[in-house]
């Protein structure tokens, strides 16, 4: 069974049970300075899990690509990935309602666990004796999840294959453990399902006894059902929520590995062609250089996805992550081959993005020699940050030259860098929700005005390619074949401020997506929006499909000033703008 067939089976299974398939969110969320990437299937749905009604109803299902940068350094083993795809289903509502297949209401533990077991054993044909489960063991002020354990036993899972774990493994809230949850935050226990590869021998370096959450590779987690049923009270207690939600996520890559009977994710159909291309370019076999092959395959798959969404290699934020992925891949190819050419990463699957990847490798080639000359003259972290040298390569080079690599100092600098990356955009905060501050809201409305003004001054070929808003400025990427003239910039800025001065009303309506498009609403990422969508109109000047937020009338925005216009890539321009009080 191919990964594509598995994805289709998962979606069809839950659609048959009253779920609506919703489109995936982009990897880089528009106008969200709080997070670099979509890092889970549930991230775009947090507002709805917190009580906001979803336009598609209470039962949802989708497949969501995600990127998790904290795992980059762990890529190379049999299960960690930078880019992955999460299969997800959700129940947003009251579980007291009937859970028949025809009912579109919510459901809770019994339906979720029974359905997932049915999917695994009857649709994906996994042997029951290979499946193990985990449930929450309880904590201070939070009871043990005996309900889930009882359901698993009723399904037929033997008690010896049901493991209890604490808050670090089987609890979810945005802030972490129950003690870390602030007043009013929601959370709950979760229950995971693991597949056992009995042919994988336990490695004692991971502990004396093997168990489902052991990192030796014998067990692979293939799905996690989170039961959001509590809210933190003033006295520190956790109270049962009136609306209980289910959030399920299962990695397509891991499920594919299990269905295709391999403990190695990279031996699934998702990576087969890429590994064959690396073998051809390097003249090595996968089995002889497993970690390097895995890093190249994972990183280039992630790089291709990011470029396809408009990210370009750079020194900040998403661009920096992309640059690191490409350069680390280039170094691994160089280690395998003994040399490096700018075309060495032009795999078939990157197709339309070959030119940008080749350009980045070419830039790296120019800095590589310079970086090697600086070895020992600058810190390992500077080599990593400025020249894209991964620490493992620096360690090897230091060893060759008899230099000491201070790992503790590197880790200290790296942790500082990670913290800066988490809060790189002004106004970032934990939780992944969009910053709805007053300044960001004003700039969001200004972005719509700017978009419309660009189309009126430059022409309707102008299409949005991406945007990013902080509390201090907006950044807007758009299609245009050449540099804007000073006169064009002045005209665009003047038109935007003219519409602000007119104090146009900003109207918000919910309507079917197709109706919105027929009425002229702009949507250059239509596949990202649900069938019933949100439309914002600014007088008769601008109309776009958008999730908000916006000011009520344009006079609240303030005067817009275009700070900078620059090239982003072939046929793509970028504008930075800010606002000041009128």
Foldseek 3Di string as FASTA:
>chain_A
DALVVLQVLLVVLVVLQQADEAFAAAQAHFAFLQFQGAAFRCLVVVVLLLPDADPRAFKYWYKYKYADVVCLVVFQDQDTFGIFIKTKIKGRWAQVDDRGSVDRHGHFQLVVVLSVVCCVCPVLNFDPVQKAKEWECADVQGHGPVVNVVSCVVSPDDPVRYYHDYQQPFKDWLQGGLQRDDAFTWIFGKMWMKGFPPVQDADCVQPDDDHQPTPSLRIDTFKMKTKTFWGQHPVSHTDGDSTIMIMMIGTSLCSQCSSVPHSHSCPHPVNVQVQVLLCVLLVDHCVVRVSLSRLLSRLLVVLLSCVVLPAAQDQARPNVSSLLSLVSNQVSSCVSRVHGALQSSVGVVSPVCSVRSSVSVVVLVVCVVVLLVCLVVDAPLCCCNVNSDDVVVSVVSCVVVVHDHDPVVNVVVVVVVVVCNSCVAAPHDGDSDGDPDPQSQLQVVLQQLLQLLCCVLVHVQWDWSHKYTGSFKIKTKIFDQDFDDPVSLVSSLVSSVVQLVVFFFKDKDKAALVVLVVVPADDPPSSNAGRTFMWIDGHPRHIYTDPDDHDGTSPSNARKDWDDKADDDRRMIMTMIGHDHD
